[in-house]
Amino acid sequence: MKALNFPKSHRLLRPADYGKVFDDVQLKVPHKNFLILATPNNLGHARVGLVFAKRNLKLAVQRNRIKRQVRETFRHQPELPGMDIIVLGRQGLAALDNQTVRSSLNGIWHRLTKKYHQLPSSQPAEPSSAGEGTG
């Protein structure tokens, strides 16, 4: 069984990583409480970034609870294709219990995977290795 971990390689860490997704959104999955923006990458695995504003979740404890739920459900989605994903929070998240948040997110991950496979070029180019084939 594959270990369900959440290494740094599966996170969007730099502002440039977020900028690439915001500038070139190819997939949107709207939901009442979340908005998912995604763009394919050449890494072979999905990466996730989180954006939860104080305007929508007033208390830090609320923001942290929702972020934990997003990370946990993302970790349990090993079949997600190679793409960079940003999860944005919307109004009303604070009122949801953990089970509702988890079930909503699981549905969103499923819809995102389905939309990815409907893209015209759902197979991104393989990353090239430097120095190969230069005879």
C-alpha atoms as a PDB file:
ATOM      1  CA  MET A   1       0.000   0.000   0.000  1.00  0.00           C
ATOM      2  CA  LYS A   2       1.308   3.438  -0.925  1.00  0.00           C
ATOM      3  CA  ALA A   3       2.194   5.720   1.960  1.00  0.00           C
ATOM      4  CA  LEU A   4      -0.207   8.644   2.228  1.00  0.00           C
ATOM      5  CA  ASN A   5       2.170  11.468   2.976  1.00  0.00           C
ATOM      6  CA  PHE A   6       2.232  15.140   2.042  1.00  0.00           C
ATOM      7  CA  PRO A   7       5.808  16.068   1.082  1.00  0.00           C
ATOM      8  CA  LYS A   8       6.935  19.532  -0.002  1.00  0.00           C
ATOM      9  CA  SER A   9       7.011  18.335  -3.610  1.00  0.00           C
ATOM     10  CA  HIS A  10       3.188  18.090  -3.489  1.00  0.00           C
ATOM     11  CA  ARG A  11       2.680  21.698  -2.351  1.00  0.00           C
ATOM     12  CA  LEU A  12       2.744  25.018  -4.149  1.00  0.00           C
ATOM     13  CA  LEU A  13       5.407  26.853  -2.165  1.00  0.00           C
ATOM     14  CA  ARG A  14       6.535  29.940  -4.073  1.00  0.00           C
ATOM     15  CA  PRO A  15       4.533  32.941  -5.274  1.00  0.00           C
ATOM     16  CA  ALA A  16       5.679  32.050  -8.813  1.00  0.00           C
ATOM     17  CA  ASP A  17       3.938  28.663  -8.492  1.00  0.00           C
ATOM     18  CA  TYR A  18       0.681  30.372  -7.528  1.00  0.00           C
ATOM     19  CA  GLY A  19       1.169  32.968 -10.277  1.00  0.00           C
ATOM     20  CA  LYS A  20       1.445  30.279 -12.956  1.00  0.00           C
ATOM     21  CA  VAL A  21      -1.934  28.871 -11.956  1.00  0.00           C
ATOM     22  CA  PHE A  22      -3.667  32.256 -11.610  1.00  0.00           C
ATOM     23  CA  ASP A  23      -2.254  33.449 -14.962  1.00  0.00           C
ATOM     24  CA  ASP A  24      -3.090  30.258 -16.897  1.00  0.00           C
ATOM     25  CA  VAL A  25      -6.254  28.757 -15.387  1.00  0.00           C
ATOM     26  CA  GLN A  26      -7.333  25.836 -17.569  1.00  0.00           C
ATOM     27  CA  LEU A  27      -9.721  24.159 -15.137  1.00  0.00           C
ATOM     28  CA  LYS A  28     -12.264  25.691 -12.761  1.00  0.00           C
ATOM     29  CA  VAL A  29     -14.405  23.678 -10.396  1.00  0.00           C
ATOM     30  CA  PRO A  30     -16.898  25.956  -8.659  1.00  0.00           C
ATOM     31  CA  HIS A  31     -18.658  24.955  -5.460  1.00  0.00           C
ATOM     32  CA  LYS A  32     -20.802  26.817  -2.970  1.00  0.00           C
ATOM     33  CA  ASN A  33     -17.969  27.003  -0.424  1.00  0.00           C
ATOM     34  CA  PHE A  34     -14.833  26.458  -2.544  1.00  0.00           C
ATOM     35  CA  LEU A  35     -13.373  27.459  -5.886  1.00  0.00           C
ATOM     36  CA  ILE A  36     -10.733  25.205  -7.428  1.00  0.00           C
ATOM     37  CA  LEU A  37      -8.381  26.599 -10.065  1.00  0.00           C
ATOM     38  CA  ALA A  38      -5.971  24.253 -11.818  1.00  0.00           C
ATOM     39  CA  THR A  39      -3.529  23.996 -14.673  1.00  0.00           C
ATOM     40  CA  PRO A  40      -1.658  20.892 -15.891  1.00  0.00           C
ATOM     41  CA  ASN A  41       2.005  20.499 -14.950  1.00  0.00           C
ATOM     42  CA  ASN A  42       4.808  18.257 -16.208  1.00  0.00           C
ATOM     43  CA  LEU A  43       5.722  16.788 -12.821  1.00  0.00           C
ATOM     44  CA  GLY A  44       3.637  13.629 -12.990  1.00  0.00           C
ATOM     45  CA  HIS A  45       1.837  14.383  -9.718  1.00  0.00           C
ATOM     46  CA  ALA A  46      -0.574  16.965  -8.391  1.00  0.00           C
ATOM     47  CA  ARG A  47       0.461  19.915  -6.219  1.00  0.00           C
ATOM     48  CA  VAL A  48      -1.914  21.952  -4.077  1.00  0.00           C
ATOM     49  CA  GLY A  49      -1.913  25.505  -2.762  1.00  0.00           C
ATOM     50  CA  LEU A  50      -4.377  27.018  -0.300  1.00  0.00           C
ATOM     51  CA  VAL A  51      -5.882  30.503  -0.190  1.00  0.00           C
ATOM     52  CA  PHE A  52      -8.264  31.270   2.684  1.00  0.00           C
ATOM     53  CA  ALA A  53      -8.925  34.932   3.422  1.00  0.00           C
ATOM     54  CA  LYS A  54      -9.708  36.407   6.830  1.00  0.00           C
ATOM     55  CA  ARG A  55     -12.712  38.010   5.186  1.00  0.00           C
ATOM     56  CA  ASN A  56     -14.317  34.572   4.713  1.00  0.00           C
ATOM     57  CA  LEU A  57     -12.968  32.781   7.801  1.00  0.00           C
ATOM     58  CA  LYS A  58     -12.555  35.334  10.575  1.00  0.00           C
ATOM     59  CA  LEU A  59     -10.689  33.252  13.141  1.00  0.00           C
ATOM     60  CA  ALA A  60      -7.315  31.573  12.637  1.00  0.00           C
ATOM     61  CA  VAL A  61      -8.677  28.399  14.216  1.00  0.00           C
ATOM     62  CA  GLN A  62     -11.352  28.262  11.487  1.00  0.00           C
ATOM     63  CA  ARG A  63      -8.838  28.813   8.679  1.00  0.00           C
ATOM     64  CA  ASN A  64      -6.489  26.185  10.079  1.00  0.00           C
ATOM     65  CA  ARG A  65      -9.283  23.615  10.487  1.00  0.00           C
ATOM     66  CA  ILE A  66     -10.379  24.012   6.876  1.00  0.00           C
ATOM     67  CA  LYS A  67      -6.780  23.881   5.620  1.00  0.00           C
ATOM     68  CA  ARG A  68      -6.222  20.630   7.526  1.00  0.00           C
ATOM     69  CA  GLN A  69      -9.333  19.147   5.939  1.00  0.00           C
ATOM     70  CA  VAL A  70      -8.211  20.180   2.433  1.00  0.00           C
ATOM     71  CA  ARG A  71      -4.720  18.716   2.946  1.00  0.00           C
ATOM     72  CA  GLU A  72      -6.118  15.485   4.368  1.00  0.00           C
ATOM     73  CA  THR A  73      -8.570  14.912   1.520  1.00  0.00           C
ATOM     74  CA  PHE A  74      -5.864  15.826  -1.034  1.00  0.00           C
ATOM     75  CA  ARG A  75      -3.520  13.258   0.536  1.00  0.00           C
ATOM     76  CA  HIS A  76      -6.137  10.558   0.023  1.00  0.00           C
ATOM     77  CA  GLN A  77      -6.404  11.295  -3.726  1.00  0.00           C
ATOM     78  CA  PRO A  78      -3.363   9.497  -5.206  1.00  0.00           C
ATOM     79  CA  GLU A  79      -5.099   9.182  -8.583  1.00  0.00           C
ATOM     80  CA  LEU A  80      -5.132  12.949  -9.200  1.00  0.00           C
ATOM     81  CA  PRO A  81      -3.336  13.667 -12.493  1.00  0.00           C
ATOM     82  CA  GLY A  82      -0.325  15.973 -12.769  1.00  0.00           C
ATOM     83  CA  MET A  83      -1.634  19.472 -12.213  1.00  0.00           C
ATOM     84  CA  ASP A  84      -1.138  22.491 -10.002  1.00  0.00           C
ATOM     85  CA  ILE A  85      -4.254  23.189  -7.951  1.00  0.00           C
ATOM     86  CA  ILE A  86      -5.277  26.219  -5.903  1.00  0.00           C
ATOM     87  CA  VAL A  87      -8.138  25.863  -3.417  1.00  0.00           C
ATOM     88  CA  LEU A  88      -9.870  29.136  -2.566  1.00  0.00           C
ATOM     89  CA  GLY A  89     -12.335  29.444   0.296  1.00  0.00           C
ATOM     90  CA  ARG A  90     -15.664  31.217  -0.024  1.00  0.00           C
ATOM     91  CA  GLN A  91     -18.200  32.619   2.416  1.00  0.00           C
ATOM     92  CA  GLY A  92     -19.971  30.183   4.728  1.00  0.00           C
ATOM     93  CA  LEU A  93     -17.116  27.727   5.331  1.00  0.00           C
ATOM     94  CA  ALA A  94     -16.955  28.471   9.045  1.00  0.00           C
ATOM     95  CA  ALA A  95     -20.471  27.136   9.585  1.00  0.00           C
ATOM     96  CA  LEU A  96     -19.714  23.704   8.075  1.00  0.00           C
ATOM     97  CA  ASP A  97     -18.732  20.717  10.183  1.00  0.00           C
ATOM     98  CA  ASN A  98     -15.705  18.569   9.287  1.00  0.00           C
ATOM     99  CA  GLN A  99     -17.723  15.744   7.738  1.00  0.00           C
ATOM    100  CA  THR A 100     -19.526  18.141   5.392  1.00  0.00           C
ATOM    101  CA  VAL A 101     -16.242  19.768   4.384  1.00  0.00           C
ATOM    102  CA  ARG A 102     -14.654  16.356   3.683  1.00  0.00           C
ATOM    103  CA  SER A 103     -17.574  15.102   1.608  1.00  0.00           C
ATOM    104  CA  SER A 104     -17.676  18.359  -0.386  1.00  0.00           C
ATOM    105  CA  LEU A 105     -13.951  18.183  -1.081  1.00  0.00           C
ATOM    106  CA  ASN A 106     -14.067  14.530  -2.109  1.00  0.00           C
ATOM    107  CA  GLY A 107     -16.747  15.419  -4.654  1.00  0.00           C
ATOM    108  CA  ILE A 108     -14.681  18.360  -5.873  1.00  0.00           C
ATOM    109  CA  TRP A 109     -11.553  16.193  -6.381  1.00  0.00           C
ATOM    110  CA  HIS A 110     -13.656  13.739  -8.383  1.00  0.00           C
ATOM    111  CA  ARG A 111     -15.096  16.527 -10.570  1.00  0.00           C
ATOM    112  CA  LEU A 112     -11.623  17.997 -11.087  1.00  0.00           C
ATOM    113  CA  THR A 113     -10.216  14.658 -12.270  1.00  0.00           C
ATOM    114  CA  LYS A 114     -13.177  14.225 -14.618  1.00  0.00           C
ATOM    115  CA  LYS A 115     -12.710  17.723 -16.085  1.00  0.00           C
ATOM    116  CA  TYR A 116      -8.962  17.124 -16.499  1.00  0.00           C
ATOM    117  CA  HIS A 117      -9.612  14.057 -18.644  1.00  0.00           C
ATOM    118  CA  GLN A 118     -11.995  16.102 -20.815  1.00  0.00           C
ATOM    119  CA  LEU A 119      -9.297  18.654 -21.683  1.00  0.00           C
ATOM    120  CA  PRO A 120      -8.343  18.629 -25.369  1.00  0.00           C
ATOM    121  CA  SER A 121      -4.722  17.817 -24.530  1.00  0.00           C
ATOM    122  CA  SER A 122      -5.083  15.986 -21.214  1.00  0.00           C
ATOM    123  CA  GLN A 123      -1.651  14.399 -21.655  1.00  0.00           C
ATOM    124  CA  PRO A 124       0.973  17.103 -20.927  1.00  0.00           C
ATOM    125  CA  ALA A 125       4.366  16.742 -22.567  1.00  0.00           C
ATOM    126  CA  GLU A 126       6.841  14.518 -20.763  1.00  0.00           C
ATOM    127  CA  PRO A 127       9.580  16.445 -18.970  1.00  0.00           C
ATOM    128  CA  SER A 128      12.765  16.214 -21.014  1.00  0.00           C
ATOM    129  CA  SER A 129      16.016  15.133 -19.431  1.00  0.00           C
ATOM    130  CA  ALA A 130      18.958  17.427 -20.058  1.00  0.00           C
ATOM    131  CA  GLY A 131      21.679  15.913 -22.199  1.00  0.00           C
ATOM    132  CA  GLU A 132      19.655  12.993 -23.594  1.00  0.00           C
ATOM    133  CA  GLY A 133      19.710  12.401 -27.321  1.00  0.00           C
ATOM    134  CA  THR A 134      22.416  14.916 -28.114  1.00  0.00           C
ATOM    135  CA  GLY A 135      24.497  12.214 -29.776  1.00  0.00           C
END
